[in-house]
């Protein structure tokens, strides 16, 4: 059952990444672009997890964890920059 569902999930995540990329490029405001970037990294993380399950390789899970940590820090930094105009201080 898992083997039948995983290609559909990969396609859905690829479509979500494409739509997030379009919003990132066309977003009317900076907040929309930050949220699109956040959605893009979450979709990338999910895609890596799904590929790790499909190919039975643990390296993808470690890469997803690294992307999750860096994406969270990046989102917080961008949010602070949008709100205050500077990241630190």
N, C-alpha and C. Protein backbone atom coordinates (compact mmCIF):
# COMPACT_ATOMS: atom_id res chain seq x y z
N UNK A 1 0.83 -1.20 0.00
CA UNK A 1 0.00 0.00 0.00
C UNK A 1 0.87 1.26 0.00
N UNK A 2 1.92 1.24 0.80
CA UNK A 2 2.80 2.41 0.87
C UNK A 2 3.44 2.70 -0.48
N UNK A 3 3.83 1.66 -1.18
CA UNK A 3 4.49 1.85 -2.48
C UNK A 3 3.53 2.48 -3.50
N UNK A 4 2.25 2.27 -3.35
CA UNK A 4 1.28 2.85 -4.28
C UNK A 4 1.00 4.32 -3.96
N UNK A 5 1.11 4.70 -2.71
CA UNK A 5 0.76 6.05 -2.29
C UNK A 5 1.94 7.03 -2.42
N UNK A 6 3.15 6.54 -2.23
CA UNK A 6 4.31 7.43 -2.20
C UNK A 6 4.51 8.24 -3.48
N UNK A 7 4.34 7.68 -4.68
CA UNK A 7 4.47 8.54 -5.87
C UNK A 7 3.45 9.68 -5.92
N UNK A 8 2.24 9.42 -5.46
CA UNK A 8 1.23 10.47 -5.40
C UNK A 8 1.64 11.57 -4.42
N UNK A 9 2.19 11.16 -3.28
CA UNK A 9 2.62 12.13 -2.26
C UNK A 9 3.78 12.97 -2.79
N UNK A 10 4.72 12.35 -3.49
CA UNK A 10 5.84 13.09 -4.07
C UNK A 10 5.32 14.11 -5.09
N UNK A 11 4.37 13.72 -5.90
CA UNK A 11 3.79 14.65 -6.88
C UNK A 11 3.05 15.79 -6.21
N UNK A 12 2.30 15.50 -5.16
CA UNK A 12 1.57 16.55 -4.45
C UNK A 12 2.53 17.53 -3.78
N UNK A 13 3.60 17.01 -3.21
CA UNK A 13 4.59 17.90 -2.59
C UNK A 13 5.32 18.73 -3.63
N UNK A 14 5.61 18.15 -4.78
CA UNK A 14 6.25 18.91 -5.86
C UNK A 14 5.33 20.03 -6.34
N UNK A 15 4.04 19.76 -6.45
CA UNK A 15 3.08 20.79 -6.84
C UNK A 15 3.00 21.89 -5.78
N UNK A 16 3.00 21.50 -4.51
CA UNK A 16 2.96 22.49 -3.43
C UNK A 16 4.22 23.35 -3.44
N UNK A 17 5.37 22.73 -3.75
CA UNK A 17 6.61 23.50 -3.83
C UNK A 17 6.58 24.48 -5.00
N UNK A 18 6.02 24.05 -6.12
CA UNK A 18 5.91 24.93 -7.28
C UNK A 18 5.00 26.12 -6.98
N UNK A 19 3.87 25.87 -6.34
CA UNK A 19 2.96 26.96 -6.00
C UNK A 19 3.57 27.90 -4.97
N UNK A 20 4.33 27.36 -4.03
CA UNK A 20 5.01 28.21 -3.05
C UNK A 20 6.08 29.06 -3.73
N UNK A 21 6.77 28.49 -4.69
CA UNK A 21 7.78 29.25 -5.42
C UNK A 21 7.14 30.39 -6.21
N UNK A 22 5.98 30.12 -6.80
CA UNK A 22 5.27 31.19 -7.52
C UNK A 22 4.86 32.31 -6.58
N UNK A 23 4.38 31.95 -5.38
CA UNK A 23 3.99 32.96 -4.41
C UNK A 23 5.22 33.73 -3.91
N UNK A 24 6.33 33.03 -3.80
CA UNK A 24 7.57 33.70 -3.38
C UNK A 24 8.00 34.73 -4.40
N UNK A 25 7.86 34.42 -5.67
CA UNK A 25 8.29 35.33 -6.72
C UNK A 25 7.29 36.46 -6.96
N UNK A 26 5.99 36.18 -6.81
CA UNK A 26 4.96 37.16 -7.16
C UNK A 26 4.27 37.81 -5.97
N UNK A 27 4.59 37.34 -4.76
CA UNK A 27 3.86 37.80 -3.58
C UNK A 27 3.69 39.30 -3.51
N UNK A 28 2.50 39.78 -3.17
CA UNK A 28 2.28 41.22 -3.16
C UNK A 28 3.05 41.93 -2.05
N UNK A 29 3.31 41.26 -0.96
CA UNK A 29 4.00 41.92 0.15
C UNK A 29 5.13 41.07 0.69
N UNK A 30 5.93 41.67 1.55
CA UNK A 30 7.07 40.96 2.13
C UNK A 30 6.60 39.84 3.05
N UNK A 31 5.49 40.04 3.75
CA UNK A 31 4.99 39.00 4.64
C UNK A 31 4.56 37.76 3.84
N UNK A 32 3.94 37.98 2.68
CA UNK A 32 3.55 36.86 1.83
C UNK A 32 4.78 36.09 1.35
N UNK A 33 5.83 36.79 1.05
CA UNK A 33 7.05 36.15 0.57
C UNK A 33 7.73 35.37 1.67
N UNK A 34 7.73 35.90 2.89
CA UNK A 34 8.31 35.17 4.01
C UNK A 34 7.53 33.89 4.28
N UNK A 35 6.21 33.97 4.25
CA UNK A 35 5.38 32.78 4.45
C UNK A 35 5.55 31.77 3.33
N UNK A 36 5.72 32.24 2.11
CA UNK A 36 5.96 31.34 0.99
C UNK A 36 7.30 30.63 1.14
N UNK A 37 8.31 31.35 1.61
CA UNK A 37 9.61 30.73 1.84
C UNK A 37 9.53 29.70 2.96
N UNK A 38 8.76 30.01 4.00
CA UNK A 38 8.55 29.07 5.09
C UNK A 38 7.83 27.82 4.59
N UNK A 39 6.81 28.00 3.78
CA UNK A 39 6.09 26.85 3.21
C UNK A 39 6.98 26.03 2.30
N UNK A 40 7.84 26.69 1.57
CA UNK A 40 8.76 26.00 0.67
C UNK A 40 9.73 25.12 1.44
N UNK A 41 10.26 25.61 2.53
CA UNK A 41 11.18 24.77 3.28
C UNK A 41 10.45 23.62 3.98
N UNK A 42 9.24 23.84 4.43
CA UNK A 42 8.48 22.75 5.05
C UNK A 42 8.15 21.67 4.02
N UNK A 43 7.80 22.07 2.81
CA UNK A 43 7.53 21.10 1.74
C UNK A 43 8.80 20.33 1.37
N UNK A 44 9.94 21.02 1.35
CA UNK A 44 11.20 20.35 1.07
C UNK A 44 11.52 19.34 2.16
N UNK A 45 11.28 19.71 3.39
CA UNK A 45 11.49 18.81 4.51
C UNK A 45 10.60 17.57 4.37
N UNK A 46 9.33 17.77 4.07
CA UNK A 46 8.41 16.65 3.91
C UNK A 46 8.80 15.76 2.73
N UNK A 47 9.26 16.38 1.66
CA UNK A 47 9.69 15.61 0.50
C UNK A 47 10.90 14.74 0.84
N UNK A 48 11.83 15.28 1.60
CA UNK A 48 12.98 14.47 2.01
C UNK A 48 12.57 13.30 2.89
N UNK A 49 11.62 13.52 3.78
CA UNK A 49 11.15 12.42 4.62
C UNK A 49 10.47 11.35 3.78
N UNK A 50 9.65 11.75 2.84
CA UNK A 50 8.96 10.79 1.97
C UNK A 50 9.96 10.02 1.12
N UNK A 51 10.95 10.71 0.58
CA UNK A 51 11.98 10.02 -0.21
C UNK A 51 12.80 9.07 0.65
N UNK A 52 13.06 9.44 1.90
CA UNK A 52 13.75 8.54 2.82
C UNK A 52 12.95 7.28 3.10
N UNK A 53 11.64 7.43 3.20
CA UNK A 53 10.78 6.26 3.40
C UNK A 53 10.77 5.40 2.15
N UNK A 54 10.65 6.04 1.00
CA UNK A 54 10.55 5.30 -0.26
C UNK A 54 11.84 4.54 -0.56
N UNK A 55 12.99 5.19 -0.35
CA UNK A 55 14.26 4.56 -0.70
C UNK A 55 14.93 3.85 0.47
N UNK A 56 14.27 3.90 1.65
CA UNK A 56 14.76 3.23 2.86
C UNK A 56 16.20 3.64 3.18
N UNK A 57 16.43 4.95 3.26
CA UNK A 57 17.76 5.49 3.53
C UNK A 57 17.64 6.54 4.64
N UNK A 58 18.40 6.36 5.70
CA UNK A 58 18.32 7.25 6.85
C UNK A 58 18.96 8.61 6.66
N UNK A 59 19.78 8.76 5.63
CA UNK A 59 20.45 10.04 5.40
C UNK A 59 19.43 11.14 5.11
N UNK A 60 18.35 10.80 4.46
CA UNK A 60 17.33 11.79 4.13
C UNK A 60 16.66 12.35 5.39
N UNK A 61 16.53 11.53 6.42
CA UNK A 61 15.94 12.00 7.66
C UNK A 61 16.87 12.99 8.36
N UNK A 62 18.16 12.72 8.31
CA UNK A 62 19.13 13.64 8.90
C UNK A 62 19.15 14.97 8.14
N UNK A 63 19.07 14.90 6.83
CA UNK A 63 19.02 16.12 6.03
C UNK A 63 17.74 16.90 6.32
N UNK A 64 16.63 16.21 6.50
CA UNK A 64 15.37 16.88 6.81
C UNK A 64 15.45 17.57 8.18
N UNK A 65 16.10 16.94 9.13
CA UNK A 65 16.27 17.56 10.44
C UNK A 65 17.11 18.82 10.34
N UNK A 66 18.17 18.76 9.57
CA UNK A 66 19.03 19.94 9.38
C UNK A 66 18.27 21.07 8.68
N UNK A 67 17.51 20.74 7.66
CA UNK A 67 16.72 21.76 6.96
C UNK A 67 15.66 22.35 7.89
N UNK A 68 15.06 21.53 8.73
CA UNK A 68 14.08 22.03 9.68
C UNK A 68 14.67 23.03 10.66
N UNK A 69 15.85 22.72 11.19
CA UNK A 69 16.49 23.63 12.12
C UNK A 69 16.89 24.94 11.45
N UNK A 70 17.52 24.85 10.29
CA UNK A 70 17.93 26.06 9.58
C UNK A 70 16.73 26.86 9.09
N UNK A 71 15.68 26.19 8.66
CA UNK A 71 14.48 26.89 8.21
C UNK A 71 13.79 27.64 9.33
N UNK A 72 13.75 27.03 10.51
CA UNK A 72 13.14 27.71 11.66
C UNK A 72 13.93 28.96 12.04
N UNK A 73 15.24 28.84 12.09
CA UNK A 73 16.08 29.99 12.43
C UNK A 73 15.94 31.08 11.36
N UNK A 74 15.89 30.68 10.10
CA UNK A 74 15.72 31.65 9.02
C UNK A 74 14.39 32.36 9.08
N UNK A 75 13.34 31.63 9.39
CA UNK A 75 12.01 32.24 9.48
C UNK A 75 11.94 33.23 10.63
N UNK A 76 12.52 32.87 11.76
CA UNK A 76 12.54 33.79 12.90
C UNK A 76 13.34 35.05 12.56
N UNK A 77 14.49 34.86 11.91
CA UNK A 77 15.32 36.01 11.54
C UNK A 77 14.59 36.92 10.54
N UNK A 78 13.95 36.32 9.53
CA UNK A 78 13.22 37.14 8.57
C UNK A 78 12.04 37.86 9.21
N UNK A 79 11.35 37.18 10.12
CA UNK A 79 10.23 37.81 10.82
C UNK A 79 10.67 38.99 11.65
N UNK A 80 11.80 38.83 12.35
CA UNK A 80 12.32 39.95 13.15
C UNK A 80 12.77 41.10 12.26
N UNK A 81 13.36 40.76 11.11
CA UNK A 81 13.80 41.81 10.19
C UNK A 81 12.61 42.58 9.63
N UNK A 82 11.54 41.88 9.28
CA UNK A 82 10.35 42.54 8.75
C UNK A 82 9.71 43.42 9.82
N UNK A 83 9.68 42.92 11.05
CA UNK A 83 9.02 43.65 12.12
C UNK A 83 9.84 44.83 12.61
N UNK A 84 11.15 44.64 12.81
CA UNK A 84 11.97 45.67 13.46
C UNK A 84 12.93 46.39 12.51
N UNK A 85 13.22 45.79 11.38
CA UNK A 85 14.19 46.39 10.48
C UNK A 85 15.60 45.92 10.72
N UNK A 86 15.82 45.14 11.78
CA UNK A 86 17.12 44.54 12.06
C UNK A 86 16.89 43.21 12.77
N UNK A 87 17.86 42.32 12.67
CA UNK A 87 17.70 40.97 13.22
C UNK A 87 18.14 40.92 14.66
N UNK A 88 19.30 41.48 14.96
CA UNK A 88 19.85 41.42 16.32
C UNK A 88 19.85 42.83 16.91
N UNK A 89 19.42 42.89 18.15
CA UNK A 89 19.49 44.18 18.85
C UNK A 89 18.19 44.84 19.09
